[in-house]
Amino acid sequence: MIANSLGGLASAGVGVLIGGVVTVIVLTLIAGIRGLMILGQTFWLYPVVLLIAIFALIFISKTLRVPVLNKILGIAAAAAICIFGFMGVTSYYANSNMYFASIYSVDFIQALLDGIAPALNEKRNGKGVILAELGIGEKVTVNGISFNKQEYNITTANGVSGWIPLAALPEDNADMLSINISVDGFDSEDIAIDRQVERLMEHYMDVKVTGGGAYVIRREYTISQNTLNRSIRVNAQTPLMAVGSKEFKKGAELADSGVKVILENIVYADDCTIVYLTVTDTGVRDLSGTFNTSAWKKSLIATDLDTGETWPAMQADYKQTWRYEQAGNGYRSSIVFFFPPFKSRHFSLTREAPPIVSKGQAGYGGILGLAASMTSGGSTATYLDYNFEEVRVR
């Protein structure tokens, strides 16, 4: 009997393992297909070529009355249209002024190989008039990267837009935004990052670097004691709103979780304003919003309640600044946000976009959702929201 039980457990374990592998493969394929769909919306000539090839295949197969030969000629025509059509479209895009988002939204100009800062050109490949002479270390907005990853379209602080060569910005800036889908079936688009925030993190926080070699290099930032020493104690509190993904799909809304988000400290520096938030709870509360949408992560805004002036949180991977530690019977979770420098001492800190994705995108259902739930140990995402309607700093 014991042997039968062990055999049953072993079979169940194998089933869960296989289910987990299949789920990961399916989710990866879904992420890839969804990514291609998003790219297709921008580079729509590729889908057009594909549709023409499919039409040619069907037309030749139905029109030519010679069995077998009609299929062969149809496939050959479709293949030729795809090959030459994709080559032509690629050549067009590689030389056009189209661009798509790179991983950094704001960066600093660096010198080219000859030690000279690049010029801002009206058109690609150094063509057109020179719109501006850029300076080394000058901060610019990165609108996007060209199709062939050779040039960036940027906007200067004076609002002038144009093209610069790839070498004018650090090499890793050539990475493009991607789509991530977790094993729970929740998807999110990576957000563009302001490289200035990385510099600020290095300056105001202690950094721990892990990985390297065959492993991905990761940086974990913890607010430094020096930063805390120069900060102002605030201790403003607001309810942490939460709803589980399963409950949300059944119609539940965000509700008070019974714990408070505390705005512990604020730093008014010359180059930024730093906000330090904490939550102490019986579970780990991920304040970076891992399972929330990109729009939610980008929507944190500070508003001066006297003048109405606003400052959106600088774009960054704030997952790196999120930390948690055991505190008694629970956990203390904390996160640090960086804002453009502001001096307001009477402000709100609120989310300007809904923290929850639409119900149609709140996780995958059916067999895929069931498999994801089983293979992830039954874990589910929890949507979080918190809004400080009024903060007064002494």
Protein backbone atom coordinates (compact mmCIF):
# COMPACT_ATOMS: atom_id res chain seq x y z
CA MET A 1 0.00 0.00 0.00
CA ILE A 2 2.86 2.34 0.89
CA ALA A 3 4.56 1.41 -2.37
CA ASN A 4 1.38 2.24 -4.29
CA SER A 5 1.17 5.61 -2.51
CA LEU A 6 4.79 6.39 -3.29
CA GLY A 7 4.23 5.38 -6.88
CA GLY A 8 1.21 7.66 -7.08
CA LEU A 9 3.17 10.56 -5.63
CA ALA A 10 5.99 9.94 -8.07
CA SER A 11 3.56 9.90 -10.99
CA ALA A 12 1.94 13.11 -9.75
CA GLY A 13 5.38 14.71 -9.39
CA VAL A 14 6.30 13.75 -12.94
CA GLY A 15 2.98 15.10 -14.15
CA VAL A 16 3.53 18.43 -12.39
CA LEU A 17 7.08 18.62 -13.79
CA ILE A 18 5.91 17.93 -17.34
CA GLY A 19 3.04 20.37 -16.90
CA GLY A 20 5.48 23.01 -15.67
CA VAL A 21 7.79 22.56 -18.65
CA VAL A 22 4.87 22.69 -21.10
CA THR A 23 3.48 25.81 -19.40
CA VAL A 24 6.81 27.62 -19.56
CA ILE A 25 7.17 26.73 -23.26
CA VAL A 26 3.61 27.86 -24.05
CA LEU A 27 3.98 31.12 -22.12
CA THR A 28 7.28 31.80 -23.87
CA LEU A 29 5.64 31.24 -27.25
CA ILE A 30 2.76 33.53 -26.26
CA ALA A 31 5.22 36.23 -25.23
CA GLY A 32 7.03 35.87 -28.55
CA ILE A 33 3.83 35.97 -30.60
CA ARG A 34 2.53 38.96 -28.68
CA GLY A 35 5.85 40.71 -29.18
CA LEU A 36 5.67 40.03 -32.91
CA MET A 37 2.14 41.43 -32.97
CA ILE A 38 3.30 44.66 -31.32
CA LEU A 39 6.24 44.92 -33.72
CA GLY A 40 3.86 44.19 -36.57
CA GLN A 41 1.73 47.19 -35.63
CA THR A 42 4.78 49.41 -36.04
CA PHE A 43 6.45 47.64 -38.95
CA TRP A 44 3.22 46.80 -40.72
CA LEU A 45 4.76 46.15 -44.16
CA TYR A 46 5.91 42.70 -42.99
CA PRO A 47 2.35 41.49 -42.30
CA VAL A 48 1.29 42.97 -45.65
CA VAL A 49 3.93 40.90 -47.47
CA LEU A 50 2.82 37.82 -45.56
CA LEU A 51 -0.82 38.41 -46.48
CA ILE A 52 0.11 38.86 -50.15
CA ALA A 53 2.06 35.58 -50.05
CA ILE A 54 -0.91 33.76 -48.51
CA PHE A 55 -3.25 35.27 -51.11
CA ALA A 56 -0.90 34.18 -53.92
CA LEU A 57 -0.77 30.65 -52.54
CA ILE A 58 -4.55 30.39 -52.39
CA PHE A 59 -5.09 32.08 -55.76
CA ILE A 60 -2.65 29.86 -57.70
CA SER A 61 -3.86 26.70 -55.95
CA LYS A 62 -7.47 27.47 -56.85
CA THR A 63 -6.91 28.91 -60.33
CA LEU A 64 -4.45 26.41 -61.81
CA ARG A 65 -6.34 23.24 -62.64
CA VAL A 66 -3.31 20.91 -62.70
CA PRO A 67 -3.28 18.72 -59.56
CA VAL A 68 -0.10 18.73 -57.46
CA LEU A 69 1.55 21.26 -59.77
CA ASN A 70 -0.85 23.96 -58.57
CA LYS A 71 0.23 23.32 -54.97
CA ILE A 72 3.94 23.34 -55.86
CA LEU A 73 3.69 26.56 -57.87
CA GLY A 74 1.55 28.17 -55.16
CA ILE A 75 4.07 27.35 -52.45
CA ALA A 76 6.97 28.46 -54.66
CA ALA A 77 5.27 31.79 -55.41
CA ALA A 78 4.43 32.38 -51.75
CA ALA A 79 8.00 31.57 -50.71
CA ALA A 80 9.45 33.91 -53.37
CA ILE A 81 7.10 36.73 -52.29
CA CYS A 82 8.11 36.24 -48.64
CA ILE A 83 11.86 36.09 -49.33
CA PHE A 84 12.10 39.01 -51.73
CA GLY A 85 9.32 40.95 -50.04
CA PHE A 86 10.92 40.69 -46.59
CA MET A 87 14.31 41.61 -48.06
CA GLY A 88 12.81 44.70 -49.70
CA VAL A 89 10.90 45.74 -46.59
CA THR A 90 13.99 45.24 -44.41
CA SER A 91 16.05 47.39 -46.75
CA TYR A 92 13.37 50.08 -46.71
CA TYR A 93 13.08 50.13 -42.93
CA ALA A 94 16.87 50.02 -42.45
CA ASN A 95 17.18 53.24 -44.48
CA SER A 96 13.99 54.96 -43.34
CA ASN A 97 13.49 57.35 -40.43
CA MET A 98 11.37 54.86 -38.51
CA TYR A 99 12.45 53.90 -35.00
CA PHE A 100 11.20 51.93 -32.03
CA ALA A 101 11.74 52.23 -28.30
CA SER A 102 15.10 51.41 -26.75
CA ILE A 103 15.47 50.37 -23.14
CA TYR A 104 16.68 53.84 -22.08
CA SER A 105 14.43 56.87 -22.45
CA VAL A 106 16.94 59.45 -21.21
CA ASP A 107 20.71 59.29 -21.50
CA PHE A 108 23.93 61.29 -21.65
CA ILE A 109 25.97 62.00 -24.76
CA GLN A 110 29.43 60.46 -24.83
CA ALA A 111 32.40 61.17 -27.08
CA LEU A 112 32.90 59.30 -30.34
CA LEU A 113 36.11 57.40 -31.07
CA ASP A 114 37.91 60.58 -32.11
CA GLY A 115 37.07 62.22 -28.78
CA ILE A 116 34.61 64.65 -30.35
CA ALA A 117 30.95 64.92 -29.37
CA PRO A 118 28.55 64.04 -32.20
CA ALA A 119 26.43 66.47 -34.19
CA LEU A 120 22.66 66.27 -34.27
CA ASN A 121 21.64 65.63 -37.88
CA GLU A 122 18.29 66.34 -39.47
CA LYS A 123 18.30 63.00 -41.30
CA ARG A 124 19.87 59.60 -40.86
CA ASN A 125 23.33 58.58 -42.06
CA GLY A 126 24.70 62.07 -41.40
CA LYS A 127 22.47 63.63 -44.06
CA GLY A 128 20.49 66.83 -43.95
CA VAL A 129 21.43 69.97 -42.08
CA ILE A 130 23.23 69.90 -38.72
CA LEU A 131 20.62 70.95 -36.17
CA ALA A 132 22.92 71.29 -33.15
CA GLU A 133 26.39 70.57 -31.84
CA LEU A 134 26.05 68.33 -28.80
CA GLY A 135 28.25 68.41 -25.73
CA ILE A 136 29.83 65.47 -23.93
CA GLY A 137 27.69 64.63 -20.91
CA GLU A 138 24.67 66.51 -22.29
CA LYS A 139 21.39 64.98 -21.18
CA VAL A 140 19.01 64.08 -24.02
CA THR A 141 15.70 62.28 -24.43
CA VAL A 142 15.98 59.07 -26.45
CA ASN A 143 12.92 58.75 -28.68
CA GLY A 144 14.01 55.46 -30.21
CA ILE A 145 16.54 53.46 -32.16
CA SER A 146 16.64 52.87 -35.91
CA PHE A 147 15.60 49.55 -37.37
CA ASN A 148 19.19 48.50 -38.05
CA LYS A 149 20.35 49.63 -34.58
CA GLN A 150 22.86 52.09 -35.98
CA GLU A 151 21.38 55.45 -34.97
CA TYR A 152 19.20 57.04 -32.31
CA ASN A 153 16.47 59.60 -32.71
CA ILE A 154 16.80 62.00 -29.78
CA THR A 155 15.46 65.31 -28.50
CA THR A 156 17.71 67.86 -26.80
CA ALA A 157 16.81 69.93 -23.74
CA ASN A 158 15.96 72.76 -26.14
CA GLY A 159 13.36 70.60 -27.90
CA VAL A 160 15.34 69.94 -31.08
CA SER A 161 14.93 66.40 -32.49
CA GLY A 162 17.29 64.61 -34.85
CA TRP A 163 19.64 61.67 -35.36
CA ILE A 164 22.96 60.69 -33.76
CA PRO A 165 25.16 57.61 -34.35
CA LEU A 166 25.02 54.56 -32.09
CA ALA A 167 28.44 55.32 -30.58
CA ALA A 168 27.13 58.60 -29.13
CA LEU A 169 25.40 56.70 -26.31
CA PRO A 170 26.60 53.75 -24.19
CA GLU A 171 26.46 50.45 -26.05
CA ASP A 172 23.89 48.76 -23.81
CA ASN A 173 21.39 51.48 -24.73
CA ALA A 174 20.89 49.61 -28.00
CA ASP A 175 18.78 47.03 -26.18
CA MET A 176 15.09 47.27 -27.00
CA LEU A 177 12.02 47.01 -24.82
CA SER A 178 10.58 43.55 -24.41
CA ILE A 179 7.51 41.78 -23.14
CA ASN A 180 7.67 39.51 -20.12
CA ILE A 181 5.16 36.84 -19.25
CA SER A 182 5.52 35.13 -15.88
CA VAL A 183 4.63 31.51 -15.15
CA ASP A 184 1.42 32.77 -13.57
CA GLY A 185 0.33 34.05 -16.97
CA PHE A 186 0.70 37.75 -16.18
CA ASP A 187 2.33 39.86 -18.82
CA SER A 188 3.97 43.26 -18.69
CA GLU A 189 6.02 45.41 -21.00
CA ASP A 190 9.43 46.53 -19.78
CA ILE A 191 9.50 50.28 -19.32
CA ALA A 192 12.13 52.61 -20.69
CA ILE A 193 14.69 53.76 -18.12
CA ASP A 194 16.20 57.16 -17.43
CA ARG A 195 19.92 56.45 -17.13
CA GLN A 196 20.22 59.39 -14.75
CA VAL A 197 18.32 57.33 -12.18
CA GLU A 198 21.00 54.65 -12.30
CA ARG A 199 23.59 57.32 -11.52
CA LEU A 200 21.42 58.63 -8.69
CA MET A 201 21.01 55.12 -7.29
CA GLU A 202 24.78 54.68 -7.30
CA HIS A 203 25.17 57.99 -5.44
CA TYR A 204 22.44 57.76 -2.81
CA MET A 205 22.21 54.01 -2.21
CA ASP A 206 24.41 51.08 -1.31
CA VAL A 207 24.71 48.64 -4.21
CA LYS A 208 25.16 44.88 -4.16
CA VAL A 209 26.16 43.28 -7.46
CA THR A 210 25.41 39.60 -8.03
CA GLY A 211 25.93 37.32 -11.01
CA GLY A 212 28.52 37.59 -13.73
CA GLY A 213 30.14 34.98 -15.93
CA ALA A 214 27.37 32.64 -17.08
CA TYR A 215 24.83 34.42 -14.86
CA VAL A 216 22.93 37.64 -15.44
CA ILE A 217 24.46 40.56 -13.56
CA ARG A 218 21.95 42.02 -11.11
CA ARG A 219 22.18 45.10 -8.93
CA GLU A 220 20.34 45.44 -5.65
CA TYR A 221 20.14 48.91 -4.11
CA THR A 222 19.53 49.69 -0.44
CA ILE A 223 19.13 53.25 0.82
CA SER A 224 22.41 54.26 2.45
CA GLN A 225 22.82 55.48 6.00
CA ASN A 226 24.32 58.73 4.72
CA THR A 227 21.16 59.36 2.69
CA LEU A 228 18.96 58.62 5.69
CA ASN A 229 21.05 60.97 7.82
CA ARG A 230 20.39 63.88 5.45
CA SER A 231 16.71 63.01 5.00
CA ILE A 232 13.66 64.56 6.70
CA ARG A 233 11.44 62.27 8.77
CA VAL A 234 7.84 62.38 7.48
CA ASN A 235 5.90 59.36 8.78
CA ALA A 236 2.84 59.98 6.57
CA GLN A 237 0.55 56.95 6.32
CA THR A 238 -2.06 55.68 3.87
CA PRO A 239 -3.95 52.38 3.50
CA LEU A 240 -2.43 49.71 1.29
CA MET A 241 -5.18 48.66 -1.11
CA ALA A 242 -5.03 45.12 -2.44
CA VAL A 243 -7.01 42.54 -4.38
CA GLY A 244 -5.98 39.05 -5.45
CA SER A 245 -6.02 38.26 -9.16
CA LYS A 246 -8.48 35.40 -8.76
CA GLU A 247 -10.84 37.52 -6.68
CA PHE A 248 -10.51 40.38 -9.15
CA LYS A 249 -11.48 38.12 -12.03
CA LYS A 250 -14.60 37.19 -10.05
CA GLY A 251 -15.60 40.83 -9.67
CA ALA A 252 -13.83 41.94 -6.50
CA GLU A 253 -12.35 45.44 -6.30
CA LEU A 254 -9.39 46.93 -4.46
CA ALA A 255 -9.98 47.02 -0.71
CA ASP A 256 -8.12 48.14 2.40
CA SER A 257 -5.69 45.36 3.28
CA GLY A 258 -5.57 46.41 6.92
CA VAL A 259 -1.96 47.62 6.82
CA LYS A 260 -0.44 51.01 6.12
CA VAL A 261 2.08 52.24 3.59
CA ILE A 262 4.36 54.70 5.41
CA LEU A 263 6.21 57.53 3.71
CA GLU A 264 9.10 57.31 6.13
CA ASN A 265 11.62 59.84 4.79
CA ILE A 266 12.14 62.38 2.02
CA VAL A 267 15.37 63.89 0.70
CA TYR A 268 15.32 67.28 -1.06
CA ALA A 269 18.59 67.14 -3.01
CA ASP A 270 19.77 69.47 -5.77
CA ASP A 271 19.67 66.76 -8.44
CA CYS A 272 16.58 64.83 -7.32
CA THR A 273 13.96 64.32 -4.63
CA ILE A 274 13.97 60.89 -2.99
CA VAL A 275 10.93 59.23 -1.41
CA TYR A 276 11.37 56.27 0.95
CA LEU A 277 8.30 54.07 1.54
CA THR A 278 7.81 51.07 3.83
CA VAL A 279 5.15 48.52 4.73
CA THR A 280 5.22 46.13 7.69
CA ASP A 281 2.88 43.20 7.20
CA THR A 282 2.51 39.48 7.84
CA GLY A 283 3.34 38.83 4.19
CA VAL A 284 5.78 40.24 1.67
CA ARG A 285 4.23 43.26 -0.06
CA ASP A 286 6.01 43.94 -3.32
CA LEU A 287 5.80 47.73 -3.53
CA SER A 288 7.52 47.83 -6.92
CA GLY A 289 4.33 46.46 -8.45
CA THR A 290 5.89 43.49 -10.24
CA PHE A 291 2.53 42.12 -11.31
CA ASN A 292 1.06 45.44 -12.35
CA THR A 293 1.11 47.11 -15.72
CA SER A 294 3.80 49.36 -17.13
CA ALA A 295 1.29 52.21 -17.07
CA TRP A 296 0.83 51.71 -13.34
CA LYS A 297 4.56 51.69 -12.66
CA LYS A 298 5.04 54.88 -14.65
CA SER A 299 2.08 56.71 -13.13
CA LEU A 300 3.38 57.69 -9.67
CA ILE A 301 3.14 61.48 -9.53
CA ALA A 302 3.91 64.08 -6.87
CA THR A 303 1.65 67.15 -7.03
CA ASP A 304 2.20 70.44 -5.20
CA LEU A 305 -1.15 71.04 -3.47
CA ASP A 306 -0.57 74.80 -3.37
CA THR A 307 0.54 75.48 -6.94
CA GLY A 308 -0.64 72.40 -8.84
CA GLU A 309 2.84 71.71 -10.27
CA THR A 310 3.50 68.01 -10.90
CA TRP A 311 6.57 65.78 -11.00
CA PRO A 312 6.27 62.21 -12.38
CA ALA A 313 8.57 59.58 -10.91
CA MET A 314 11.67 59.21 -13.06
CA GLN A 315 11.49 56.07 -15.18
CA ALA A 316 13.57 53.23 -13.78
CA ASP A 317 13.59 49.59 -12.76
CA TYR A 318 12.45 50.21 -9.19
CA LYS A 319 12.43 46.49 -8.53
CA GLN A 320 16.14 47.02 -7.81
CA THR A 321 15.37 49.41 -4.94
CA TRP A 322 12.76 47.16 -3.35
CA ARG A 323 13.96 45.30 -0.28
CA TYR A 324 12.30 43.25 2.43
CA GLU A 325 13.42 41.80 5.72
CA GLN A 326 11.85 39.81 8.49
CA ALA A 327 10.39 41.94 11.27
CA GLY A 328 8.98 39.97 14.20
CA ASN A 329 6.35 37.59 12.86
CA GLY A 330 6.05 39.43 9.56
CA TYR A 331 8.10 41.27 6.98
CA ARG A 332 9.14 44.86 6.48
CA SER A 333 9.10 45.81 2.83
CA SER A 334 10.63 49.04 1.53
CA ILE A 335 11.18 50.85 -1.75
CA VAL A 336 12.87 54.06 -2.91
CA PHE A 337 11.53 56.29 -5.70
CA PHE A 338 13.38 59.11 -7.46
CA PHE A 339 11.70 62.29 -8.71
CA PRO A 340 13.01 65.35 -10.53
CA PRO A 341 14.16 67.84 -7.88
CA PHE A 342 11.25 69.60 -6.17
CA LYS A 343 11.04 71.50 -2.89
CA SER A 344 7.32 71.35 -2.14
CA ARG A 345 6.50 70.42 1.44
CA HIS A 346 2.76 70.21 0.86
CA PHE A 347 2.05 67.66 -1.83
CA SER A 348 0.21 64.50 -2.79
CA LEU A 349 1.76 61.26 -4.01
CA THR A 350 -0.77 59.42 -6.15
CA ARG A 351 -1.24 56.98 -8.99
CA GLU A 352 -2.53 58.68 -12.12
CA ALA A 353 -3.40 55.43 -13.93
CA PRO A 354 -5.46 52.42 -12.81
CA PRO A 355 -3.27 49.87 -10.99
CA ILE A 356 -5.13 46.93 -12.50
CA VAL A 357 -5.07 45.60 -16.03
CA SER A 358 -8.38 45.04 -17.79
CA LYS A 359 -10.24 41.93 -16.70
CA GLY A 360 -9.62 40.40 -20.11
CA GLN A 361 -5.87 40.59 -19.46
CA ALA A 362 -5.84 39.71 -15.78
CA GLY A 363 -4.21 36.34 -16.32
CA TYR A 364 -4.83 33.51 -18.74
CA GLY A 365 -7.79 31.23 -18.17
CA GLY A 366 -8.75 27.75 -19.26
CA ILE A 367 -6.23 24.92 -19.34
CA LEU A 368 -3.28 27.32 -19.52
CA GLY A 369 -4.39 29.19 -16.42
CA LEU A 370 -5.00 25.94 -14.55
CA ALA A 371 -1.59 24.55 -15.53
CA ALA A 372 0.11 27.81 -14.53
CA SER A 373 -1.62 27.78 -11.16
CA MET A 374 -0.65 24.15 -10.51
CA THR A 375 2.97 24.49 -11.56
CA SER A 376 3.59 27.73 -9.70
CA GLY A 377 2.66 26.24 -6.35
CA GLY A 378 -0.74 27.90 -6.38
CA SER A 379 0.75 31.40 -6.18
CA THR A 380 -1.28 34.23 -7.61
CA ALA A 381 -0.57 37.85 -8.27
CA THR A 382 -1.92 40.52 -5.97
CA TYR A 383 -2.70 43.96 -7.32
CA LEU A 384 -1.62 46.77 -5.01
CA ASP A 385 -2.37 50.47 -4.88
CA TYR A 386 -1.58 53.30 -2.47
CA ASN A 387 -2.26 57.02 -2.67
CA PHE A 388 -1.08 59.74 -0.31
CA GLU A 389 -3.73 62.42 -0.81
CA GLU A 390 -1.91 64.97 1.36
CA VAL A 391 1.63 64.99 2.74
CA ARG A 392 2.99 67.79 4.93
CA VAL A 393 6.71 67.92 5.58
CA ARG A 394 7.99 70.03 8.47
